[in-house]
Amino acid sequence: MENKLLKFIPTIILTVLLFTCSSSDEGGNQVGGPTPENVSTISVNTSNTYQSISGFGACNTVFNGVSSFPNESDIQKAYGTGDNELGLSIFRVSIPASQDTWPDIAEVAKYAQDRGAIVFASPWNAPDDMLDPNQTELRILPEKYDDYVAHLNSFDNFMQTQGVNLHAISIQNEPDIGEWTQWTQTEIENFTRDHAGGINTTVITAESFNFNRSYYNNVLNDDIAVNNVDIVGGHIYGGGLGPFELAEQKGKEIWMTEYLLNDYSGEYDGNPRWNAFTELEKWEQTLEMLETIHEAMESNWNAYTWWYLKRYYSFIGEGQQGTTNGQILKRGFAYSHFSKFIRPGYIRVANNMQFTGDLMSTTYRGNNETVIVIINSNSNSLELDISVDGNTPANGTAYTTTLSSNRDETALIPENDMLIVNIPSLSVVTVVIPD
């Protein structure tokens, strides 16, 4: 008897809830729609401001040959701002030790720049004639530091002849792992203090593999070296994601310059191939990517740059692992919830959420609009009532990406003096509210 009664309890509760939500007012008129008692809230305070956003981007292909570079159509899809485009605003390229592929790099960089992107460059390896022949690892001879600066400037000069104005050059990609040219912390400090001032462009620090603060602190605390760098850049493989107060105190922008998630790619450790995993598993990993962007923004970082733009685990397919060459992938649509709607120069502002469960949200202001990005990595959906500076917005637009949808657009109209947005389970939602 108890088991039978228990079966009916959910039905009874649901009936009561439905009756409560569709009750009548004193005049007998039906009262529908959301009420303050049955929704969560997000309150935006535009007067409380944080960092300026420099952009969101991706990297050109580095190791798979010129034939794997994005073509102009790929760049249009990635850097265009149309309805079915991703709106990226930063393009990262490599500085090869050999000049053989410089023209090809300039060509694809020009495609991105022509669509409004800023371009920055990172060296993986120095030319052989600058390396110490007595070292088993790749390491630049200190007496060759000026030659190394000249090499970086030669790349910048060549790019200018091809119509590409580099925004910045970094000193070294990942100086702290054994795959590329290596630098000790002391070498980085000495080079930055005594030579980096000769680099023609804006200078990005050496980009630590996991934003190891010890690769930056000596530079930032050196009265000369600190003035020879403009941007503190690094990667977040295995750590490093979080506030960097010293960089902020020194007035430096903080850029996340490379990260990828491809644990399922089969390229390492004998894992199964990418297409052996379910779309749900891939989508859950994409939500992890979005969470790192959220954390970077909440840590007052100014830019976020993903690894390859064109790869089966990235934003544009290249025809491998079940992808179609040139097709925008779901991970690209997810990334565009930041890159397309939060434009360079937008300012992050405060918001406060009142809800049950685990939800991530950041808010931005620019171009006479408020942009809210909400990430729901949970299996429960919910409704959010949005207010801006204590007022209910007159209207808004929600863009939603889930496992089964790509940036679906929904017009938001106030009801019962509330602007409600639905947040599905396992989703990312961007809300754009005009002034």
Protein backbone atom coordinates (compact mmCIF):
# COMPACT_ATOMS: atom_id res chain seq x y z
CA MET A 1 0.00 0.00 0.00
CA GLU A 2 2.87 2.42 0.88
CA ASN A 3 4.56 1.74 -2.44
CA LYS A 4 1.39 2.46 -4.37
CA LEU A 5 0.86 5.70 -2.47
CA LEU A 6 4.44 6.77 -3.14
CA LYS A 7 3.83 6.37 -6.84
CA PHE A 8 1.02 8.92 -6.68
CA ILE A 9 2.87 11.53 -4.54
CA PRO A 10 4.84 13.12 -7.46
CA THR A 11 1.62 13.45 -9.43
CA ILE A 12 -0.13 15.09 -6.49
CA ILE A 13 2.75 17.54 -5.96
CA LEU A 14 2.89 18.40 -9.66
CA THR A 15 -0.86 19.03 -9.72
CA VAL A 16 -0.61 21.37 -6.73
CA LEU A 17 2.30 23.24 -8.32
CA LEU A 18 0.49 23.63 -11.62
CA PHE A 19 -2.60 24.92 -9.83
CA THR A 20 -0.50 27.38 -7.82
CA CYS A 21 1.30 28.71 -10.90
CA SER A 22 -2.01 29.28 -12.73
CA SER A 23 -4.03 30.82 -9.91
CA SER A 24 -6.57 33.62 -10.31
CA ASP A 25 -6.54 37.17 -9.02
CA GLU A 26 -9.34 38.68 -6.93
CA GLY A 27 -11.32 39.55 -10.04
CA GLY A 28 -11.27 35.98 -11.25
CA ASN A 29 -8.81 36.69 -14.06
CA GLN A 30 -6.20 34.03 -14.80
CA VAL A 31 -2.70 34.96 -13.63
CA GLY A 32 0.02 33.22 -15.69
CA GLY A 33 3.71 33.55 -16.37
CA PRO A 34 6.66 33.82 -14.03
CA THR A 35 6.51 35.21 -10.52
CA PRO A 36 9.40 36.30 -8.26
CA GLU A 37 8.85 33.19 -6.13
CA ASN A 38 9.58 30.65 -8.86
CA VAL A 39 12.62 32.07 -10.71
CA SER A 40 16.25 32.82 -9.90
CA THR A 41 17.70 36.28 -10.43
CA ILE A 42 20.71 37.96 -11.96
CA SER A 43 21.29 41.62 -11.13
CA VAL A 44 23.77 43.66 -13.19
CA ASN A 45 25.57 46.66 -11.72
CA THR A 46 27.13 48.59 -14.59
CA SER A 47 28.79 51.15 -12.32
CA ASN A 48 31.06 48.48 -10.81
CA THR A 49 33.65 47.90 -13.54
CA TYR A 50 36.64 45.58 -14.00
CA GLN A 51 39.00 44.95 -16.94
CA SER A 52 38.77 45.97 -20.57
CA ILE A 53 38.53 43.09 -23.03
CA SER A 54 41.13 42.91 -25.82
CA GLY A 55 39.51 39.97 -27.58
CA PHE A 56 39.06 36.25 -28.09
CA GLY A 57 41.00 34.33 -30.71
CA ALA A 58 42.68 31.21 -32.01
CA CYS A 59 45.97 30.12 -33.52
CA ASN A 60 47.05 29.36 -37.06
CA THR A 61 48.25 25.83 -37.75
CA VAL A 62 51.87 25.42 -36.61
CA PHE A 63 53.00 21.83 -37.19
CA ASN A 64 50.85 20.25 -39.88
CA GLY A 65 52.21 22.07 -42.91
CA VAL A 66 51.08 24.98 -45.04
CA SER A 67 48.36 22.86 -46.68
CA SER A 68 46.56 22.68 -43.31
CA PHE A 69 46.38 26.47 -42.90
CA PRO A 70 42.88 27.99 -42.78
CA ASN A 71 41.84 29.38 -46.14
CA GLU A 72 40.08 32.68 -46.71
CA SER A 73 36.64 31.07 -46.44
CA ASP A 74 37.59 29.55 -43.06
CA ILE A 75 38.83 32.91 -41.83
CA GLN A 76 35.61 34.59 -42.93
CA LYS A 77 33.57 32.08 -40.95
CA ALA A 78 35.78 32.51 -37.90
CA TYR A 79 36.39 36.27 -37.93
CA GLY A 80 33.26 37.54 -39.62
CA THR A 81 30.46 38.88 -37.46
CA GLY A 82 27.48 37.77 -39.53
CA ASP A 83 24.63 35.55 -38.37
CA ASN A 84 26.47 32.27 -38.99
CA GLU A 85 29.97 33.48 -38.14
CA LEU A 86 32.03 33.34 -34.95
CA GLY A 87 33.33 36.89 -34.49
CA LEU A 88 36.86 36.07 -33.30
CA SER A 89 39.10 39.12 -32.92
CA ILE A 90 42.64 37.79 -32.25
CA PHE A 91 44.80 35.64 -34.55
CA ARG A 92 48.01 34.05 -33.32
CA VAL A 93 50.75 32.92 -35.70
CA SER A 94 54.14 31.30 -35.25
CA ILE A 95 57.54 32.79 -36.09
CA PRO A 96 59.37 29.89 -37.76
CA ALA A 97 63.15 29.78 -37.50
CA SER A 98 63.27 29.38 -41.29
CA GLN A 99 61.82 32.08 -43.53
CA ASP A 100 60.46 29.54 -46.04
CA THR A 101 56.86 29.66 -44.82
CA TRP A 102 56.73 33.34 -43.84
CA PRO A 103 54.82 34.30 -47.02
CA ASP A 104 52.15 31.66 -46.32
CA ILE A 105 51.77 32.85 -42.73
CA ALA A 106 51.47 36.45 -43.90
CA GLU A 107 48.74 35.49 -46.36
CA VAL A 108 46.46 33.88 -43.79
CA ALA A 109 47.24 36.58 -41.21
CA LYS A 110 46.19 39.22 -43.75
CA TYR A 111 42.85 37.43 -44.18
CA ALA A 112 42.25 37.77 -40.42
CA GLN A 113 43.50 41.34 -40.19
CA ASP A 114 41.24 42.39 -43.07
CA ARG A 115 38.31 41.18 -40.96
CA GLY A 116 39.29 43.29 -37.99
CA ALA A 117 41.51 40.87 -36.08
CA ILE A 118 44.68 41.85 -34.30
CA VAL A 119 47.58 39.51 -35.04
CA PHE A 120 50.32 38.50 -32.63
CA ALA A 121 53.24 36.15 -33.16
CA SER A 122 55.09 33.61 -31.00
CA PRO A 123 58.47 31.97 -31.70
CA TRP A 124 58.82 28.25 -30.98
CA ASN A 125 62.49 27.88 -31.93
CA ALA A 126 65.37 30.20 -32.68
CA PRO A 127 67.51 29.73 -35.82
CA ASP A 128 70.15 27.04 -35.43
CA ASP A 129 73.09 29.44 -35.68
CA MET A 130 71.93 31.14 -32.46
CA LEU A 131 71.79 27.96 -30.39
CA ASP A 132 74.42 26.65 -27.97
CA PRO A 133 76.06 23.61 -29.65
CA ASN A 134 77.23 22.30 -26.29
CA GLN A 135 73.73 21.90 -24.87
CA THR A 136 71.57 18.82 -25.34
CA GLU A 137 68.46 21.01 -25.19
CA LEU A 138 67.77 23.97 -27.45
CA ARG A 139 69.12 27.08 -25.77
CA ILE A 140 70.15 30.46 -27.21
CA LEU A 141 73.69 31.62 -26.54
CA PRO A 142 73.59 34.87 -24.49
CA GLU A 143 75.96 36.50 -26.97
CA LYS A 144 73.33 35.83 -29.66
CA TYR A 145 70.52 37.66 -27.89
CA ASP A 146 70.82 40.71 -30.13
CA ASP A 147 70.70 38.43 -33.18
CA TYR A 148 67.54 36.88 -31.78
CA VAL A 149 65.95 40.33 -31.47
CA ALA A 150 66.96 41.02 -35.07
CA HIS A 151 65.31 37.72 -36.11
CA LEU A 152 62.04 38.71 -34.43
CA ASN A 153 62.18 42.16 -36.00
CA SER A 154 62.87 40.62 -39.42
CA PHE A 155 59.62 38.71 -39.15
CA ASP A 156 57.79 41.89 -38.19
CA ASN A 157 59.38 43.79 -41.07
CA PHE A 158 58.46 41.06 -43.55
CA MET A 159 54.87 40.98 -42.33
CA GLN A 160 54.65 44.74 -42.83
CA THR A 161 55.77 44.37 -46.44
CA GLN A 162 52.85 41.96 -46.87
CA GLY A 163 50.38 44.40 -45.35
CA VAL A 164 50.18 42.80 -41.90
CA ASN A 165 50.75 45.04 -38.88
CA LEU A 166 51.66 42.79 -35.99
CA HIS A 167 50.10 43.89 -32.75
CA ALA A 168 52.67 42.08 -30.61
CA ILE A 169 55.49 39.54 -30.51
CA SER A 170 56.14 37.26 -27.57
CA ILE A 171 59.64 36.43 -26.39
CA GLN A 172 59.17 32.64 -26.43
CA ASN A 173 56.46 30.01 -26.61
CA GLU A 174 56.61 27.77 -23.54
CA PRO A 175 60.20 28.29 -22.33
CA ASP A 176 59.61 25.91 -19.44
CA ILE A 177 59.01 22.54 -21.15
CA GLY A 178 61.49 20.45 -23.11
CA GLU A 179 60.00 20.60 -26.59
CA TRP A 180 61.07 24.04 -27.85
CA THR A 181 63.87 26.51 -27.23
CA GLN A 182 64.36 26.58 -23.48
CA TRP A 183 65.03 29.47 -21.12
CA THR A 184 65.72 29.53 -17.41
CA GLN A 185 63.97 32.12 -15.30
CA THR A 186 67.24 34.04 -14.98
CA GLU A 187 67.80 33.98 -18.73
CA ILE A 188 64.30 35.33 -19.32
CA GLU A 189 64.89 38.13 -16.83
CA ASN A 190 68.27 39.05 -18.35
CA PHE A 191 66.98 38.99 -21.92
CA THR A 192 63.89 41.02 -21.07
CA ARG A 193 65.89 43.62 -19.15
CA ASP A 194 68.83 43.98 -21.54
CA HIS A 195 67.42 43.17 -24.99
CA ALA A 196 63.60 43.03 -25.23
CA GLY A 197 63.43 46.81 -25.50
CA GLY A 198 64.80 46.41 -29.01
CA ILE A 199 61.76 44.48 -30.27
CA ASN A 200 59.82 46.75 -32.61
CA THR A 201 56.29 45.75 -31.62
CA THR A 202 54.33 45.56 -28.41
CA VAL A 203 56.08 42.85 -26.38
CA ILE A 204 54.46 39.83 -24.74
CA THR A 205 56.42 38.06 -22.02
CA ALA A 206 57.67 34.54 -22.56
CA GLU A 207 54.55 32.34 -22.47
CA SER A 208 54.90 29.80 -19.67
CA PHE A 209 53.29 26.39 -20.21
CA ASN A 210 51.17 26.77 -17.07
CA PHE A 211 51.47 30.47 -16.28
CA ASN A 212 54.23 29.66 -13.79
CA ARG A 213 54.46 32.92 -11.87
CA SER A 214 58.18 32.46 -11.22
CA TYR A 215 58.80 33.07 -14.95
CA TYR A 216 57.19 36.50 -14.60
CA ASN A 217 57.80 37.80 -11.10
CA ASN A 218 61.47 38.71 -11.53
CA VAL A 219 60.68 40.52 -14.78
CA LEU A 220 57.79 42.42 -13.23
CA ASN A 221 59.85 43.35 -10.17
CA ASP A 222 62.83 44.57 -12.21
CA ASP A 223 62.60 48.33 -12.78
CA ILE A 224 64.05 48.07 -16.28
CA ALA A 225 62.66 44.74 -17.48
CA VAL A 226 59.11 45.62 -16.49
CA ASN A 227 59.15 48.56 -18.90
CA ASN A 228 60.24 46.34 -21.80
CA VAL A 229 57.07 44.23 -21.76
CA ASP A 230 53.49 45.32 -22.31
CA ILE A 231 51.46 42.12 -22.00
CA VAL A 232 51.84 39.20 -19.60
CA GLY A 233 50.99 36.12 -21.65
CA GLY A 234 50.88 32.45 -20.81
CA HIS A 235 49.13 29.10 -21.08
CA ILE A 236 47.01 27.15 -18.61
CA TYR A 237 47.99 23.52 -19.18
CA GLY A 238 47.71 21.88 -15.77
CA GLY A 239 47.50 25.12 -13.80
CA GLY A 240 48.06 28.85 -13.73
CA LEU A 241 44.46 29.98 -14.14
CA GLY A 242 43.64 32.62 -11.54
CA PRO A 243 44.23 36.23 -10.53
CA PHE A 244 47.71 37.66 -11.14
CA GLU A 245 47.83 40.65 -8.82
CA LEU A 246 51.44 41.59 -9.51
CA ALA A 247 50.80 41.92 -13.25
CA GLU A 248 47.76 44.07 -12.53
CA GLN A 249 49.72 46.23 -10.10
CA LYS A 250 52.33 46.85 -12.80
CA GLY A 251 49.62 47.94 -15.25
CA LYS A 252 50.06 45.00 -17.63
CA GLU A 253 47.34 43.32 -19.62
CA ILE A 254 47.04 39.58 -18.98
CA TRP A 255 46.47 37.32 -21.98
CA MET A 256 45.80 33.60 -22.06
CA THR A 257 47.65 32.85 -25.28
CA GLU A 258 47.10 29.10 -25.76
CA TYR A 259 44.99 26.24 -24.47
CA LEU A 260 43.33 23.17 -25.87
CA LEU A 261 41.25 20.24 -24.67
CA ASN A 262 41.53 17.14 -26.82
CA ASP A 263 41.80 14.34 -24.25
CA TYR A 264 39.68 12.22 -26.54
CA SER A 265 41.70 12.78 -29.69
CA GLY A 266 43.67 9.56 -29.63
CA GLU A 267 46.86 11.46 -30.39
CA TYR A 268 48.33 10.86 -26.95
CA ASP A 269 48.58 7.98 -24.48
CA GLY A 270 46.71 5.56 -26.72
CA ASN A 271 43.32 7.14 -26.10
CA PRO A 272 40.42 6.19 -28.40
CA ARG A 273 39.97 8.27 -31.50
CA TRP A 274 37.89 11.44 -31.30
CA ASN A 275 35.02 10.02 -33.33
CA ALA A 276 34.76 7.04 -30.98
CA PHE A 277 33.31 9.27 -28.26
CA THR A 278 29.71 10.40 -28.05
CA GLU A 279 28.61 13.89 -28.94
CA LEU A 280 27.54 14.32 -25.32
CA GLU A 281 31.06 13.56 -24.09
CA LYS A 282 32.52 16.07 -26.53
CA TRP A 283 29.93 18.67 -25.53
CA GLU A 284 30.70 18.24 -21.84
CA GLN A 285 34.37 18.86 -22.60
CA THR A 286 33.39 21.96 -24.57
CA LEU A 287 31.58 23.24 -21.48
CA GLU A 288 34.87 22.72 -19.60
CA MET A 289 36.52 25.00 -22.18
CA LEU A 290 33.87 27.66 -21.57
CA GLU A 291 34.43 27.40 -17.82
CA THR A 292 38.13 28.24 -18.31
CA ILE A 293 37.14 31.35 -20.29
CA HIS A 294 34.78 32.34 -17.49
CA GLU A 295 37.51 31.87 -14.88
CA ALA A 296 39.99 33.89 -16.96
CA MET A 297 37.52 36.75 -17.24
CA GLU A 298 36.69 36.62 -13.54
CA SER A 299 40.45 36.75 -12.86
CA ASN A 300 40.62 40.09 -14.71
CA TRP A 301 42.43 38.71 -17.74
CA ASN A 302 42.04 40.70 -20.93
CA ALA A 303 42.23 38.12 -23.71
CA TYR A 304 41.78 34.42 -24.37
CA THR A 305 43.30 32.58 -27.34
CA TRP A 306 42.51 28.95 -28.13
CA TRP A 307 44.94 26.63 -29.91
CA TYR A 308 44.31 25.69 -33.56
CA LEU A 309 41.47 27.50 -35.27
CA LYS A 310 41.05 24.67 -37.79
CA ARG A 311 41.11 21.20 -36.23
CA TYR A 312 38.55 18.51 -35.56
CA TYR A 313 38.50 19.33 -31.83
CA SER A 314 38.41 23.09 -32.42
CA PHE A 315 36.25 25.61 -34.26
CA ILE A 316 36.50 24.76 -37.97
CA GLY A 317 36.68 21.17 -39.23
CA GLU A 318 39.56 20.05 -41.45
CA GLY A 319 37.98 16.81 -42.65
CA GLN A 320 39.44 14.47 -40.04
CA GLN A 321 37.75 12.42 -37.32
CA GLY A 322 34.28 12.73 -38.81
CA THR A 323 34.42 16.49 -39.47
CA THR A 324 33.71 18.21 -42.77
CA ASN A 325 36.45 20.44 -44.13
CA GLY A 326 35.46 24.08 -43.61
CA GLN A 327 32.44 23.34 -41.42
CA ILE A 328 31.89 25.36 -38.24
CA LEU A 329 31.94 22.89 -35.35
CA LYS A 330 29.84 22.98 -32.21
CA ARG A 331 32.88 24.00 -30.19
CA GLY A 332 33.18 27.03 -32.45
CA PHE A 333 29.56 28.03 -31.88
CA ALA A 334 30.09 27.62 -28.13
CA TYR A 335 33.23 29.79 -28.18
CA SER A 336 31.35 32.45 -30.12
CA HIS A 337 29.14 33.10 -27.10
CA PHE A 338 32.15 35.10 -25.92
CA SER A 339 33.96 36.02 -29.14
CA LYS A 340 31.02 37.22 -31.21
CA PHE A 341 29.17 39.24 -28.59
CA ILE A 342 31.98 40.61 -26.39
CA ARG A 343 33.88 42.90 -28.69
CA PRO A 344 37.34 44.41 -28.14
CA GLY A 345 37.03 47.38 -25.81
CA TYR A 346 34.03 46.07 -23.90
CA ILE A 347 34.33 46.34 -20.11
CA ARG A 348 33.46 43.60 -17.66
CA VAL A 349 30.96 44.76 -15.03
CA ALA A 350 29.58 43.26 -11.86
CA ASN A 351 26.62 40.97 -11.59
CA ASN A 352 25.02 39.15 -8.71
CA MET A 353 23.10 35.89 -9.09
CA GLN A 354 20.62 34.41 -6.67
CA PHE A 355 19.85 30.82 -7.61
CA THR A 356 19.92 27.23 -6.45
CA GLY A 357 22.68 25.19 -8.03
CA ASP A 358 25.99 25.80 -9.78
CA LEU A 359 25.95 28.42 -12.52
CA MET A 360 28.64 30.66 -14.02
CA SER A 361 28.00 34.15 -15.36
CA THR A 362 29.97 37.22 -16.38
CA THR A 363 28.65 40.52 -17.74
CA TYR A 364 30.10 43.14 -20.09
CA ARG A 365 29.29 46.64 -21.34
CA GLY A 366 30.06 48.20 -24.69
CA ASN A 367 28.50 49.73 -27.79
CA ASN A 368 25.39 50.81 -25.85
CA GLU A 369 24.52 47.28 -24.78
CA THR A 370 24.88 44.86 -21.88
CA VAL A 371 26.07 41.32 -22.63
CA ILE A 372 25.65 38.46 -20.16
CA VAL A 373 27.23 35.03 -20.71
CA ILE A 374 25.73 32.22 -18.62
CA ILE A 375 27.20 28.71 -18.49
CA ASN A 376 25.10 25.88 -17.06
CA SER A 377 27.11 22.65 -16.77
CA ASN A 378 24.41 20.99 -14.70
CA SER A 379 21.66 18.58 -15.69
CA ASN A 380 18.96 20.94 -14.41
CA SER A 381 17.42 23.83 -16.34
CA LEU A 382 16.20 27.04 -14.71
CA GLU A 383 14.77 30.48 -15.40
CA LEU A 384 16.61 33.71 -14.63
CA ASP A 385 15.02 37.11 -14.06
CA ILE A 386 17.42 39.80 -15.31
CA SER A 387 17.68 43.34 -13.99
CA VAL A 388 20.18 46.03 -14.99
CA ASP A 389 20.97 48.74 -12.45
CA GLY A 390 17.78 47.86 -10.57
CA ASN A 391 15.52 48.12 -13.61
CA THR A 392 13.75 45.57 -15.77
CA PRO A 393 15.12 45.90 -19.33
CA ALA A 394 12.60 46.80 -22.03
CA ASN A 395 13.76 43.88 -24.21
CA GLY A 396 16.67 41.62 -25.01
CA THR A 397 17.82 38.71 -27.13
CA ALA A 398 19.02 35.32 -25.89
CA TYR A 399 21.34 33.07 -27.90
CA THR A 400 21.45 29.45 -26.73
CA THR A 401 23.76 26.57 -27.58
CA THR A 402 23.10 23.06 -26.28
CA LEU A 403 23.95 19.56 -27.43
CA SER A 404 21.14 19.83 -29.97
CA SER A 405 21.21 23.54 -30.91
CA ASN A 406 23.71 26.11 -32.16
CA ARG A 407 23.24 29.69 -30.99
CA ASP A 408 19.44 29.61 -31.31
CA GLU A 409 18.00 33.11 -31.07
CA THR A 410 15.05 34.05 -28.82
CA ALA A 411 13.50 37.50 -28.35
CA LEU A 412 12.96 38.43 -24.69
CA ILE A 413 9.95 40.55 -23.70
CA PRO A 414 9.15 41.55 -20.09
CA GLU A 415 6.23 39.78 -18.42
CA ASN A 416 4.89 40.66 -14.98
CA ASP A 417 7.65 43.30 -14.79
CA MET A 418 10.30 40.57 -15.23
CA LEU A 419 12.67 39.82 -18.12
CA ILE A 420 13.00 36.05 -18.03
CA VAL A 421 15.57 33.93 -19.87
CA ASN A 422 15.42 30.15 -19.91
CA ILE A 423 18.73 28.41 -19.16
CA PRO A 424 18.59 24.79 -20.40
CA SER A 425 20.66 22.07 -18.81
CA LEU A 426 24.19 21.64 -20.20
CA SER A 427 24.06 24.91 -22.10
CA VAL A 428 25.66 28.27 -22.70
CA VAL A 429 23.39 31.28 -23.10
CA THR A 430 24.38 34.80 -24.11
CA VAL A 431 21.88 37.58 -23.44
CA VAL A 432 22.24 40.91 -25.27
CA ILE A 433 20.31 43.85 -23.80
CA PRO A 434 20.32 47.16 -25.69
CA ASP A 435 20.24 50.45 -23.81
